[in-house]
Amino acid sequence: DNAKNTVYLQMNSLKPEDTAVYYCNLERWWLQDYWGQGTQVTV
C-alpha cells in the first residue's frame, strides 16, 4: 500500500524450514536502506 508505505507478506502452507526472524526492508534509490527490528516466525 504505497499511500501508507506499508508492505504485507501473506505466508501460506508454512513449513518448519520457514522458521526464522523476518526483517522488513525498505530499499531506496542511491541511499541507504532502512530495516525493521525483526519479527520471529516459528513453524
PDB file of all heavy atoms in Angstrom:
ATOM      1  N   ASP A   1       0.880  -1.154   0.000  1.00  0.00           N
ATOM      2  CA  ASP A   1       0.000   0.000   0.000  1.00  0.00           C
ATOM      3  C   ASP A   1       0.922   1.210   0.000  1.00  0.00           C
ATOM      4  O   ASP A   1       1.415   1.623   1.048  1.00  0.00           O
ATOM      5  CB  ASP A   1      -0.922  -0.002   1.214  1.00  0.00           C
ATOM      6  CG  ASP A   1      -1.927   1.129   1.193  1.00  0.00           C
ATOM      7  OD1 ASP A   1      -1.708   2.136   0.502  1.00  0.00           O
ATOM      8  OD2 ASP A   1      -2.958   1.009   1.895  1.00  0.00           O
ATOM      9  N   ASN A   2       1.165   1.757  -1.174  1.00  0.00           N
ATOM     10  CA  ASN A   2       2.133   2.839  -1.295  1.00  0.00           C
ATOM     11  C   ASN A   2       1.723   4.086  -0.513  1.00  0.00           C
ATOM     12  O   ASN A   2       2.578   4.793   0.019  1.00  0.00           O
ATOM     13  CB  ASN A   2       2.339   3.208  -2.763  1.00  0.00           C
ATOM     14  CG  ASN A   2       3.158   2.188  -3.513  1.00  0.00           C
ATOM     15  OD1 ASN A   2       3.804   1.328  -2.922  1.00  0.00           O
ATOM     16  ND2 ASN A   2       3.145   2.277  -4.839  1.00  0.00           N
ATOM     17  N   ALA A   3       0.431   4.339  -0.467  1.00  0.00           N
ATOM     18  CA  ALA A   3      -0.044   5.522   0.243  1.00  0.00           C
ATOM     19  C   ALA A   3       0.293   5.469   1.722  1.00  0.00           C
ATOM     20  O   ALA A   3       0.477   6.506   2.361  1.00  0.00           O
ATOM     21  CB  ALA A   3      -1.543   5.695   0.043  1.00  0.00           C
ATOM     22  N   LYS A   4       0.365   4.270   2.257  1.00  0.00           N
ATOM     23  CA  LYS A   4       0.666   4.085   3.671  1.00  0.00           C
ATOM     24  C   LYS A   4       2.095   3.634   3.918  1.00  0.00           C
ATOM     25  O   LYS A   4       2.465   3.395   5.073  1.00  0.00           O
ATOM     26  CB  LYS A   4      -0.294   3.077   4.291  1.00  0.00           C
ATOM     27  CG  LYS A   4      -1.750   3.498   4.266  1.00  0.00           C
ATOM     28  CD  LYS A   4      -2.633   2.447   4.908  1.00  0.00           C
ATOM     29  CE  LYS A   4      -4.086   2.874   4.915  1.00  0.00           C
ATOM     30  NZ  LYS A   4      -4.968   1.852   5.544  1.00  0.00           N
ATOM     31  N   ASN A   5       2.876   3.516   2.861  1.00  0.00           N
ATOM     32  CA  ASN A   5       4.234   2.978   2.974  1.00  0.00           C
ATOM     33  C   ASN A   5       4.244   1.682   3.769  1.00  0.00           C
ATOM     34  O   ASN A   5       5.043   1.495   4.693  1.00  0.00           O
ATOM     35  CB  ASN A   5       5.178   4.002   3.601  1.00  0.00           C
ATOM     36  CG  ASN A   5       5.619   5.077   2.632  1.00  0.00           C
ATOM     37  OD1 ASN A   5       5.462   4.938   1.420  1.00  0.00           O
ATOM     38  ND2 ASN A   5       6.169   6.166   3.155  1.00  0.00           N
ATOM     39  N   THR A   6       3.357   0.793   3.378  1.00  0.00           N
ATOM     40  CA  THR A   6       3.167  -0.455   4.091  1.00  0.00           C
ATOM     41  C   THR A   6       3.318  -1.635   3.137  1.00  0.00           C
ATOM     42  O   THR A   6       2.870  -1.573   1.985  1.00  0.00           O
ATOM     43  CB  THR A   6       1.783  -0.502   4.754  1.00  0.00           C
ATOM     44  OG1 THR A   6       1.674   0.583   5.685  1.00  0.00           O
ATOM     45  CG2 THR A   6       1.571  -1.809   5.498  1.00  0.00           C
ATOM     46  N   VAL A   7       3.938  -2.688   3.616  1.00  0.00           N
ATOM     47  CA  VAL A   7       4.095  -3.902   2.842  1.00  0.00           C
ATOM     48  C   VAL A   7       3.593  -5.079   3.667  1.00  0.00           C
ATOM     49  O   VAL A   7       3.720  -5.092   4.901  1.00  0.00           O
ATOM     50  CB  VAL A   7       5.563  -4.102   2.412  1.00  0.00           C
ATOM     51  CG1 VAL A   7       6.471  -4.322   3.611  1.00  0.00           C
ATOM     52  CG2 VAL A   7       5.684  -5.244   1.414  1.00  0.00           C
ATOM     53  N   TYR A   8       3.000  -6.056   2.986  1.00  0.00           N
ATOM     54  CA  TYR A   8       2.448  -7.235   3.628  1.00  0.00           C
ATOM     55  C   TYR A   8       3.067  -8.482   3.026  1.00  0.00           C
ATOM     56  O   TYR A   8       3.429  -8.517   1.849  1.00  0.00           O
ATOM     57  CB  TYR A   8       0.934  -7.300   3.444  1.00  0.00           C
ATOM     58  CG  TYR A   8       0.204  -6.051   3.872  1.00  0.00           C
ATOM     59  CD1 TYR A   8      -0.054  -5.029   2.960  1.00  0.00           C
ATOM     60  CD2 TYR A   8      -0.231  -5.886   5.174  1.00  0.00           C
ATOM     61  CE1 TYR A   8      -0.718  -3.882   3.347  1.00  0.00           C
ATOM     62  CE2 TYR A   8      -0.897  -4.746   5.572  1.00  0.00           C
ATOM     63  CZ  TYR A   8      -1.142  -3.744   4.658  1.00  0.00           C
ATOM     64  OH  TYR A   8      -1.802  -2.611   5.044  1.00  0.00           O
ATOM     65  N   LEU A   9       3.157  -9.497   3.828  1.00  0.00           N
ATOM     66  CA  LEU A   9       3.603 -10.796   3.351  1.00  0.00           C
ATOM     67  C   LEU A   9       2.634 -11.849   3.859  1.00  0.00           C
ATOM     68  O   LEU A   9       2.615 -12.155   5.052  1.00  0.00           O
ATOM     69  CB  LEU A   9       5.020 -11.111   3.814  1.00  0.00           C
ATOM     70  CG  LEU A   9       5.624 -12.404   3.258  1.00  0.00           C
ATOM     71  CD1 LEU A   9       5.828 -12.299   1.758  1.00  0.00           C
ATOM     72  CD2 LEU A   9       6.936 -12.734   3.961  1.00  0.00           C
ATOM     73  N   GLN A  10       1.825 -12.373   2.948  1.00  0.00           N
ATOM     74  CA  GLN A  10       0.923 -13.471   3.272  1.00  0.00           C
ATOM     75  C   GLN A  10       1.680 -14.770   3.099  1.00  0.00           C
ATOM     76  O   GLN A  10       2.169 -15.069   2.007  1.00  0.00           O
ATOM     77  CB  GLN A  10      -0.306 -13.440   2.361  1.00  0.00           C
ATOM     78  CG  GLN A  10      -1.294 -14.560   2.616  1.00  0.00           C
ATOM     79  CD  GLN A  10      -1.958 -14.450   3.971  1.00  0.00           C
ATOM     80  OE1 GLN A  10      -2.383 -13.370   4.363  1.00  0.00           O
ATOM     81  NE2 GLN A  10      -2.026 -15.562   4.691  1.00  0.00           N
ATOM     82  N   MET A  11       1.782 -15.537   4.158  1.00  0.00           N
ATOM     83  CA  MET A  11       2.543 -16.773   4.159  1.00  0.00           C
ATOM     84  C   MET A  11       1.591 -17.935   4.384  1.00  0.00           C
ATOM     85  O   MET A  11       0.998 -18.059   5.457  1.00  0.00           O
ATOM     86  CB  MET A  11       3.624 -16.748   5.240  1.00  0.00           C
ATOM     87  CG  MET A  11       4.578 -15.570   5.126  1.00  0.00           C
ATOM     88  SD  MET A  11       5.951 -15.655   6.310  1.00  0.00           S
ATOM     89  CE  MET A  11       5.043 -15.481   7.851  1.00  0.00           C
ATOM     90  N   ASN A  12       1.455 -18.774   3.379  1.00  0.00           N
ATOM     91  CA  ASN A  12       0.590 -19.937   3.437  1.00  0.00           C
ATOM     92  C   ASN A  12       1.416 -21.213   3.349  1.00  0.00           C
ATOM     93  O   ASN A  12       2.570 -21.202   2.919  1.00  0.00           O
ATOM     94  CB  ASN A  12      -0.432 -19.909   2.298  1.00  0.00           C
ATOM     95  CG  ASN A  12      -1.352 -18.716   2.346  1.00  0.00           C
ATOM     96  OD1 ASN A  12      -1.759 -18.274   3.420  1.00  0.00           O
ATOM     97  ND2 ASN A  12      -1.706 -18.185   1.180  1.00  0.00           N
ATOM     98  N   SER A  13       0.797 -22.309   3.734  1.00  0.00           N
ATOM     99  CA  SER A  13       1.452 -23.616   3.671  1.00  0.00           C
ATOM    100  C   SER A  13       2.830 -23.581   4.308  1.00  0.00           C
ATOM    101  O   SER A  13       3.821 -24.059   3.749  1.00  0.00           O
ATOM    102  CB  SER A  13       1.543 -24.100   2.218  1.00  0.00           C
ATOM    103  OG  SER A  13       0.264 -24.201   1.631  1.00  0.00           O
ATOM    104  N   LEU A  14       2.893 -23.017   5.483  1.00  0.00           N
ATOM    105  CA  LEU A  14       4.175 -22.824   6.151  1.00  0.00           C
ATOM    106  C   LEU A  14       4.826 -24.152   6.501  1.00  0.00           C
ATOM    107  O   LEU A  14       4.154 -25.125   6.839  1.00  0.00           O
ATOM    108  CB  LEU A  14       3.993 -21.975   7.398  1.00  0.00           C
ATOM    109  CG  LEU A  14       3.836 -20.478   7.119  1.00  0.00           C
ATOM    110  CD1 LEU A  14       3.224 -19.772   8.315  1.00  0.00           C
ATOM    111  CD2 LEU A  14       5.195 -19.868   6.774  1.00  0.00           C
ATOM    112  N   LYS A  15       6.132 -24.156   6.408  1.00  0.00           N
ATOM    113  CA  LYS A  15       6.947 -25.317   6.692  1.00  0.00           C
ATOM    114  C   LYS A  15       7.911 -25.009   7.825  1.00  0.00           C
ATOM    115  O   LYS A  15       8.264 -23.844   8.044  1.00  0.00           O
ATOM    116  CB  LYS A  15       7.749 -25.722   5.448  1.00  0.00           C
ATOM    117  CG  LYS A  15       6.911 -25.996   4.213  1.00  0.00           C
ATOM    118  CD  LYS A  15       7.806 -26.281   3.014  1.00  0.00           C
ATOM    119  CE  LYS A  15       6.984 -26.547   1.769  1.00  0.00           C
ATOM    120  NZ  LYS A  15       7.854 -26.822   0.593  1.00  0.00           N
ATOM    121  N   PRO A  16       8.367 -26.020   8.545  1.00  0.00           N
ATOM    122  CA  PRO A  16       9.368 -25.767   9.582  1.00  0.00           C
ATOM    123  C   PRO A  16      10.601 -25.037   9.070  1.00  0.00           C
ATOM    124  O   PRO A  16      11.203 -24.263   9.823  1.00  0.00           O
ATOM    125  CB  PRO A  16       9.717 -27.176  10.078  1.00  0.00           C
ATOM    126  CG  PRO A  16       8.481 -27.961   9.836  1.00  0.00           C
ATOM    127  CD  PRO A  16       7.908 -27.417   8.555  1.00  0.00           C
ATOM    128  N   GLU A  17      10.957 -25.248   7.823  1.00  0.00           N
ATOM    129  CA  GLU A  17      12.102 -24.575   7.236  1.00  0.00           C
ATOM    130  C   GLU A  17      11.903 -23.067   7.102  1.00  0.00           C
ATOM    131  O   GLU A  17      12.868 -22.339   6.869  1.00  0.00           O
ATOM    132  CB  GLU A  17      12.422 -25.153   5.847  1.00  0.00           C
ATOM    133  CG  GLU A  17      12.603 -26.658   5.836  1.00  0.00           C
ATOM    134  CD  GLU A  17      11.323 -27.378   5.488  1.00  0.00           C
ATOM    135  OE1 GLU A  17      11.074 -27.620   4.287  1.00  0.00           O
ATOM    136  OE2 GLU A  17      10.560 -27.710   6.430  1.00  0.00           O
ATOM    137  N   ASP A  18      10.675 -22.608   7.228  1.00  0.00           N
ATOM    138  CA  ASP A  18      10.398 -21.181   7.180  1.00  0.00           C
ATOM    139  C   ASP A  18      10.671 -20.483   8.502  1.00  0.00           C
ATOM    140  O   ASP A  18      10.598 -19.253   8.574  1.00  0.00           O
ATOM    141  CB  ASP A  18       8.941 -20.929   6.775  1.00  0.00           C
ATOM    142  CG  ASP A  18       8.629 -21.430   5.377  1.00  0.00           C
ATOM    143  OD1 ASP A  18       9.452 -21.223   4.469  1.00  0.00           O
ATOM    144  OD2 ASP A  18       7.550 -22.030   5.199  1.00  0.00           O
ATOM    145  N   THR A  19      10.958 -21.239   9.529  1.00  0.00           N
ATOM    146  CA  THR A  19      11.241 -20.654  10.835  1.00  0.00           C
ATOM    147  C   THR A  19      12.460 -19.746  10.750  1.00  0.00           C
ATOM    148  O   THR A  19      13.531 -20.161  10.304  1.00  0.00           O
ATOM    149  CB  THR A  19      11.473 -21.747  11.877  1.00  0.00           C
ATOM    150  OG1 THR A  19      10.275 -22.506  12.047  1.00  0.00           O
ATOM    151  CG2 THR A  19      11.868 -21.151  13.223  1.00  0.00           C
ATOM    152  N   ALA A  20      12.291 -18.514  11.174  1.00  0.00           N
ATOM    153  CA  ALA A  20      13.358 -17.531  11.091  1.00  0.00           C
ATOM    154  C   ALA A  20      12.883 -16.232  11.720  1.00  0.00           C
ATOM    155  O   ALA A  20      11.704 -16.072  12.041  1.00  0.00           O
ATOM    156  CB  ALA A  20      13.763 -17.281   9.632  1.00  0.00           C
ATOM    157  N   VAL A  21      13.815 -15.316  11.865  1.00  0.00           N
ATOM    158  CA  VAL A  21      13.464 -13.941  12.156  1.00  0.00           C
ATOM    159  C   VAL A  21      13.290 -13.230  10.825  1.00  0.00           C
ATOM    160  O   VAL A  21      14.184 -13.260   9.975  1.00  0.00           O
ATOM    161  CB  VAL A  21      14.526 -13.230  13.008  1.00  0.00           C
ATOM    162  CG1 VAL A  21      14.145 -11.771  13.233  1.00  0.00           C
ATOM    163  CG2 VAL A  21      14.701 -13.943  14.342  1.00  0.00           C
ATOM    164  N   TYR A  22      12.153 -12.615  10.652  1.00  0.00           N
ATOM    165  CA  TYR A  22      11.835 -11.930   9.413  1.00  0.00           C
ATOM    166  C   TYR A  22      12.004 -10.432   9.607  1.00  0.00           C
ATOM    167  O   TYR A  22      11.465  -9.849  10.550  1.00  0.00           O
ATOM    168  CB  TYR A  22      10.403 -12.241   8.969  1.00  0.00           C
ATOM    169  CG  TYR A  22      10.261 -13.621   8.377  1.00  0.00           C
ATOM    170  CD1 TYR A  22      10.367 -14.753   9.174  1.00  0.00           C
ATOM    171  CD2 TYR A  22      10.036 -13.795   7.011  1.00  0.00           C
ATOM    172  CE1 TYR A  22      10.259 -16.019   8.630  1.00  0.00           C
ATOM    173  CE2 TYR A  22       9.923 -15.059   6.465  1.00  0.00           C
ATOM    174  CZ  TYR A  22      10.036 -16.169   7.271  1.00  0.00           C
ATOM    175  OH  TYR A  22       9.920 -17.430   6.728  1.00  0.00           O
ATOM    176  N   TYR A  23      12.755  -9.822   8.702  1.00  0.00           N
ATOM    177  CA  TYR A  23      13.076  -8.405   8.785  1.00  0.00           C
ATOM    178  C   TYR A  23      12.454  -7.651   7.625  1.00  0.00           C
ATOM    179  O   TYR A  23      12.624  -8.029   6.465  1.00  0.00           O
ATOM    180  CB  TYR A  23      14.585  -8.186   8.743  1.00  0.00           C
ATOM    181  CG  TYR A  23      15.335  -8.746   9.925  1.00  0.00           C
ATOM    182  CD1 TYR A  23      15.833 -10.044   9.907  1.00  0.00           C
ATOM    183  CD2 TYR A  23      15.548  -7.969  11.060  1.00  0.00           C
ATOM    184  CE1 TYR A  23      16.522 -10.555  10.988  1.00  0.00           C
ATOM    185  CE2 TYR A  23      16.235  -8.473  12.141  1.00  0.00           C
ATOM    186  CZ  TYR A  23      16.723  -9.771  12.096  1.00  0.00           C
ATOM    187  OH  TYR A  23      17.413 -10.267  13.173  1.00  0.00           O
ATOM    188  N   CYS A  24      11.768  -6.599   7.946  1.00  0.00           N
ATOM    189  CA  CYS A  24      11.258  -5.704   6.922  1.00  0.00           C
ATOM    190  C   CYS A  24      12.392  -4.836   6.387  1.00  0.00           C
ATOM    191  O   CYS A  24      13.249  -4.376   7.150  1.00  0.00           O
ATOM    192  CB  CYS A  24      10.150  -4.829   7.502  1.00  0.00           C
ATOM    193  SG  CYS A  24       9.403  -3.695   6.318  1.00  0.00           S
ATOM    194  N   ASN A  25      12.372  -4.620   5.097  1.00  0.00           N
ATOM    195  CA  ASN A  25      13.399  -3.821   4.439  1.00  0.00           C
ATOM    196  C   ASN A  25      12.757  -2.772   3.550  1.00  0.00           C
ATOM    197  O   ASN A  25      11.822  -3.069   2.805  1.00  0.00           O
ATOM    198  CB  ASN A  25      14.313  -4.721   3.609  1.00  0.00           C
ATOM    199  CG  ASN A  25      15.245  -3.938   2.699  1.00  0.00           C
ATOM    200  OD1 ASN A  25      15.007  -3.815   1.500  1.00  0.00           O
ATOM    201  ND2 ASN A  25      16.314  -3.407   3.265  1.00  0.00           N
ATOM    202  N   LEU A  26      13.277  -1.573   3.629  1.00  0.00           N
ATOM    203  CA  LEU A  26      12.887  -0.503   2.730  1.00  0.00           C
ATOM    204  C   LEU A  26      14.129  -0.092   1.955  1.00  0.00           C
ATOM    205  O   LEU A  26      15.092   0.411   2.542  1.00  0.00           O
ATOM    206  CB  LEU A  26      12.293   0.674   3.509  1.00  0.00           C
ATOM    207  CG  LEU A  26      11.660   1.805   2.691  1.00  0.00           C
ATOM    208  CD1 LEU A  26      10.593   2.526   3.508  1.00  0.00           C
ATOM    209  CD2 LEU A  26      12.707   2.811   2.226  1.00  0.00           C
ATOM    210  N   GLU A  27      14.091  -0.309   0.661  1.00  0.00           N
ATOM    211  CA  GLU A  27      15.219  -0.035  -0.214  1.00  0.00           C
ATOM    212  C   GLU A  27      15.019   1.297  -0.906  1.00  0.00           C
ATOM    213  O   GLU A  27      13.925   1.589  -1.388  1.00  0.00           O
ATOM    214  CB  GLU A  27      15.367  -1.159  -1.241  1.00  0.00           C
ATOM    215  CG  GLU A  27      16.579  -1.037  -2.140  1.00  0.00           C
ATOM    216  CD  GLU A  27      16.679  -2.183  -3.123  1.00  0.00           C
ATOM    217  OE1 GLU A  27      15.838  -3.099  -3.070  1.00  0.00           O
ATOM    218  OE2 GLU A  27      17.610  -2.168  -3.954  1.00  0.00           O
ATOM    219  N   ARG A  28      16.075   2.082  -0.977  1.00  0.00           N
ATOM    220  CA  ARG A  28      15.996   3.406  -1.578  1.00  0.00           C
ATOM    221  C   ARG A  28      16.962   3.558  -2.740  1.00  0.00           C
ATOM    222  O   ARG A  28      18.002   2.904  -2.799  1.00  0.00           O
ATOM    223  CB  ARG A  28      16.286   4.487  -0.530  1.00  0.00           C
ATOM    224  CG  ARG A  28      15.299   4.480   0.633  1.00  0.00           C
ATOM    225  CD  ARG A  28      15.364   5.778   1.396  1.00  0.00           C
ATOM    226  NE  ARG A  28      16.606   5.913   2.141  1.00  0.00           N
ATOM    227  CZ  ARG A  28      17.029   7.056   2.676  1.00  0.00           C
ATOM    228  NH1 ARG A  28      16.303   8.168   2.521  1.00  0.00           N
ATOM    229  NH2 ARG A  28      18.160   7.094   3.360  1.00  0.00           N
ATOM    230  N   TRP A  29      16.578   4.423  -3.669  1.00  0.00           N
ATOM    231  CA  TRP A  29      17.462   4.739  -4.779  1.00  0.00           C
ATOM    232  C   TRP A  29      18.651   5.548  -4.266  1.00  0.00           C
ATOM    233  O   TRP A  29      18.475   6.629  -3.705  1.00  0.00           O
ATOM    234  CB  TRP A  29      16.721   5.545  -5.833  1.00  0.00           C
ATOM    235  CG  TRP A  29      15.590   4.816  -6.490  1.00  0.00           C
ATOM    236  CD1 TRP A  29      14.263   4.963  -6.265  1.00  0.00           C
ATOM    237  CD2 TRP A  29      15.710   3.837  -7.524  1.00  0.00           C
ATOM    238  NE1 TRP A  29      13.538   4.146  -7.086  1.00  0.00           N
ATOM    239  CE2 TRP A  29      14.400   3.435  -7.865  1.00  0.00           C
ATOM    240  CE3 TRP A  29      16.792   3.257  -8.188  1.00  0.00           C
ATOM    241  CZ2 TRP A  29      14.147   2.478  -8.847  1.00  0.00           C
ATOM    242  CZ3 TRP A  29      16.538   2.302  -9.157  1.00  0.00           C
ATOM    243  CH2 TRP A  29      15.221   1.931  -9.477  1.00  0.00           C
ATOM    244  N   TRP A  30      19.826   5.019  -4.446  1.00  0.00           N
ATOM    245  CA  TRP A  30      21.079   5.740  -4.167  1.00  0.00           C
ATOM    246  C   TRP A  30      21.290   6.091  -2.701  1.00  0.00           C
ATOM    247  O   TRP A  30      22.250   6.800  -2.369  1.00  0.00           O
ATOM    248  CB  TRP A  30      21.179   7.021  -5.003  1.00  0.00           C
ATOM    249  CG  TRP A  30      21.013   6.790  -6.464  1.00  0.00           C
ATOM    250  CD1 TRP A  30      19.962   7.153  -7.241  1.00  0.00           C
ATOM    251  CD2 TRP A  30      21.946   6.127  -7.331  1.00  0.00           C
ATOM    252  NE1 TRP A  30      20.169   6.766  -8.531  1.00  0.00           N
ATOM    253  CE2 TRP A  30      21.382   6.129  -8.626  1.00  0.00           C
ATOM    254  CE3 TRP A  30      23.201   5.530  -7.142  1.00  0.00           C
ATOM    255  CZ2 TRP A  30      22.021   5.558  -9.718  1.00  0.00           C
ATOM    256  CZ3 TRP A  30      23.835   4.947  -8.230  1.00  0.00           C
ATOM    257  CH2 TRP A  30      23.238   4.982  -9.496  1.00  0.00           C
ATOM    258  N   LEU A  31      20.447   5.628  -1.842  1.00  0.00           N
ATOM    259  CA  LEU A  31      20.541   5.937  -0.424  1.00  0.00           C
ATOM    260  C   LEU A  31      20.480   4.654   0.393  1.00  0.00           C
ATOM    261  O   LEU A  31      20.029   3.616  -0.071  1.00  0.00           O
ATOM    262  CB  LEU A  31      19.421   6.886   0.001  1.00  0.00           C
ATOM    263  CG  LEU A  31      19.408   8.261  -0.673  1.00  0.00           C
ATOM    264  CD1 LEU A  31      18.125   9.008  -0.321  1.00  0.00           C
ATOM    265  CD2 LEU A  31      20.622   9.079  -0.260  1.00  0.00           C
ATOM    266  N   GLN A  32      20.898   4.758   1.624  1.00  0.00           N
ATOM    267  CA  GLN A  32      20.976   3.596   2.491  1.00  0.00           C
ATOM    268  C   GLN A  32      19.589   3.069   2.859  1.00  0.00           C
ATOM    269  O   GLN A  32      18.652   3.837   3.063  1.00  0.00           O
ATOM    270  CB  GLN A  32      21.756   3.939   3.761  1.00  0.00           C
ATOM    271  CG  GLN A  32      22.092   2.749   4.634  1.00  0.00           C
ATOM    272  CD  GLN A  32      23.094   3.104   5.716  1.00  0.00           C
ATOM    273  OE1 GLN A  32      23.753   4.136   5.656  1.00  0.00           O
ATOM    274  NE2 GLN A  32      23.213   2.237   6.707  1.00  0.00           N
ATOM    275  N   ASP A  33      19.476   1.757   2.948  1.00  0.00           N
ATOM    276  CA  ASP A  33      18.218   1.109   3.298  1.00  0.00           C
ATOM    277  C   ASP A  33      17.839   1.347   4.755  1.00  0.00           C
ATOM    278  O   ASP A  33      18.679   1.631   5.611  1.00  0.00           O
ATOM    279  CB  ASP A  33      18.314  -0.404   3.086  1.00  0.00           C
ATOM    280  CG  ASP A  33      18.483  -0.796   1.638  1.00  0.00           C
ATOM    281  OD1 ASP A  33      18.571   0.085   0.770  1.00  0.00           O
ATOM    282  OD2 ASP A  33      18.521  -2.020   1.376  1.00  0.00           O
ATOM    283  N   TYR A  34      16.547   1.178   5.013  1.00  0.00           N
ATOM    284  CA  TYR A  34      16.050   1.099   6.375  1.00  0.00           C
ATOM    285  C   TYR A  34      15.635  -0.327   6.682  1.00  0.00           C
ATOM    286  O   TYR A  34      15.159  -1.055   5.811  1.00  0.00           O
ATOM    287  CB  TYR A  34      14.852   2.031   6.572  1.00  0.00           C
ATOM    288  CG  TYR A  34      15.186   3.498   6.552  1.00  0.00           C
ATOM    289  CD1 TYR A  34      14.860   4.289   5.457  1.00  0.00           C
ATOM    290  CD2 TYR A  34      15.820   4.099   7.636  1.00  0.00           C
ATOM    291  CE1 TYR A  34      15.153   5.640   5.435  1.00  0.00           C
ATOM    292  CE2 TYR A  34      16.121   5.452   7.617  1.00  0.00           C
ATOM    293  CZ  TYR A  34      15.790   6.220   6.517  1.00  0.00           C
ATOM    294  OH  TYR A  34      16.088   7.563   6.504  1.00  0.00           O
ATOM    295  N   TRP A  35      15.771  -0.705   7.949  1.00  0.00           N
ATOM    296  CA  TRP A  35      15.440  -2.054   8.389  1.00  0.00           C
ATOM    297  C   TRP A  35      14.565  -2.024   9.620  1.00  0.00           C
ATOM    298  O   TRP A  35      14.718  -1.165  10.489  1.00  0.00           O
ATOM    299  CB  TRP A  35      16.712  -2.843   8.723  1.00  0.00           C
ATOM    300  CG  TRP A  35      17.548  -3.173   7.537  1.00  0.00           C
ATOM    301  CD1 TRP A  35      18.546  -2.425   6.999  1.00  0.00           C
ATOM    302  CD2 TRP A  35      17.455  -4.353   6.737  1.00  0.00           C
ATOM    303  NE1 TRP A  35      19.083  -3.062   5.914  1.00  0.00           N
ATOM    304  CE2 TRP A  35      18.439  -4.250   5.729  1.00  0.00           C
ATOM    305  CE3 TRP A  35      16.648  -5.485   6.770  1.00  0.00           C
ATOM    306  CZ2 TRP A  35      18.629  -5.230   4.767  1.00  0.00           C
ATOM    307  CZ3 TRP A  35      16.829  -6.469   5.820  1.00  0.00           C
ATOM    308  CH2 TRP A  35      17.812  -6.331   4.835  1.00  0.00           C
ATOM    309  N   GLY A  36      13.648  -2.989   9.695  1.00  0.00           N
ATOM    310  CA  GLY A  36      12.895  -3.197  10.906  1.00  0.00           C
ATOM    311  C   GLY A  36      13.692  -3.990  11.919  1.00  0.00           C
ATOM    312  O   GLY A  36      14.797  -4.473  11.646  1.00  0.00           O
ATOM    313  N   GLN A  37      13.130  -4.136  13.094  1.00  0.00           N
ATOM    314  CA  GLN A  37      13.810  -4.845  14.168  1.00  0.00           C
ATOM    315  C   GLN A  37      13.732  -6.362  14.037  1.00  0.00           C
ATOM    316  O   GLN A  37      14.528  -7.071  14.656  1.00  0.00           O
ATOM    317  CB  GLN A  37      13.228  -4.430  15.521  1.00  0.00           C
ATOM    318  CG  GLN A  37      13.528  -3.000  15.906  1.00  0.00           C
ATOM    319  CD  GLN A  37      12.978  -2.648  17.265  1.00  0.00           C
ATOM    320  OE1 GLN A  37      11.842  -2.208  17.400  1.00  0.00           O
ATOM    321  NE2 GLN A  37      13.796  -2.862  18.295  1.00  0.00           N
ATOM    322  N   GLY A  38      12.802  -6.846  13.265  1.00  0.00           N
ATOM    323  CA  GLY A  38      12.631  -8.266  13.071  1.00  0.00           C
ATOM    324  C   GLY A  38      11.475  -8.816  13.881  1.00  0.00           C
ATOM    325  O   GLY A  38      11.205  -8.365  14.994  1.00  0.00           O
ATOM    326  N   THR A  39      10.806  -9.793  13.317  1.00  0.00           N
ATOM    327  CA  THR A  39       9.721 -10.479  13.998  1.00  0.00           C
ATOM    328  C   THR A  39       9.917 -11.985  13.829  1.00  0.00           C
ATOM    329  O   THR A  39      10.234 -12.467  12.747  1.00  0.00           O
ATOM    330  CB  THR A  39       8.346 -10.021  13.461  1.00  0.00           C
ATOM    331  OG1 THR A  39       7.302 -10.642  14.206  1.00  0.00           O
ATOM    332  CG2 THR A  39       8.172 -10.347  11.982  1.00  0.00           C
ATOM    333  N   GLN A  40       9.744 -12.702  14.910  1.00  0.00           N
ATOM    334  CA  GLN A  40      10.003 -14.138  14.914  1.00  0.00           C
ATOM    335  C   GLN A  40       8.829 -14.898  14.311  1.00  0.00           C
ATOM    336  O   GLN A  40       7.676 -14.686  14.694  1.00  0.00           O
ATOM    337  CB  GLN A  40      10.260 -14.632  16.335  1.00  0.00           C
ATOM    338  CG  GLN A  40      10.480 -16.142  16.450  1.00  0.00           C
ATOM    339  CD  GLN A  40      11.795 -16.586  15.859  1.00  0.00           C
ATOM    340  OE1 GLN A  40      12.832 -15.975  16.117  1.00  0.00           O
ATOM    341  NE2 GLN A  40      11.759 -17.643  15.052  1.00  0.00           N
ATOM    342  N   VAL A  41       9.140 -15.792  13.387  1.00  0.00           N
ATOM    343  CA  VAL A  41       8.175 -16.734  12.844  1.00  0.00           C
ATOM    344  C   VAL A  41       8.668 -18.129  13.165  1.00  0.00           C
ATOM    345  O   VAL A  41       9.786 -18.502  12.790  1.00  0.00           O
ATOM    346  CB  VAL A  41       8.003 -16.568  11.327  1.00  0.00           C
ATOM    347  CG1 VAL A  41       7.150 -17.701  10.751  1.00  0.00           C
ATOM    348  CG2 VAL A  41       7.376 -15.220  11.011  1.00  0.00           C
ATOM    349  N   THR A  42       7.856 -18.892  13.867  1.00  0.00           N
ATOM    350  CA  THR A  42       8.208 -20.245  14.229  1.00  0.00           C
ATOM    351  C   THR A  42       7.133 -21.197  13.724  1.00  0.00           C
ATOM    352  O   THR A  42       5.953 -21.022  14.033  1.00  0.00           O
ATOM    353  CB  THR A  42       8.357 -20.398  15.749  1.00  0.00           C
ATOM    354  OG1 THR A  42       9.350 -19.490  16.225  1.00  0.00           O
ATOM    355  CG2 THR A  42       8.762 -21.820  16.115  1.00  0.00           C
ATOM    356  N   VAL A  43       7.554 -22.189  12.965  1.00  0.00           N
ATOM    357  CA  VAL A  43       6.642 -23.170  12.395  1.00  0.00           C
ATOM    358  C   VAL A  43       6.971 -24.524  13.002  1.00  0.00           C
ATOM    359  O   VAL A  43       8.079 -25.044  12.824  1.00  0.00           O
ATOM    360  CB  VAL A  43       6.748 -23.236  10.867  1.00  0.00           C
ATOM    361  CG1 VAL A  43       5.706 -24.196  10.305  1.00  0.00           C
ATOM    362  CG2 VAL A  43       6.577 -21.846  10.262  1.00  0.00           C
TER     363      VAL A  43
END
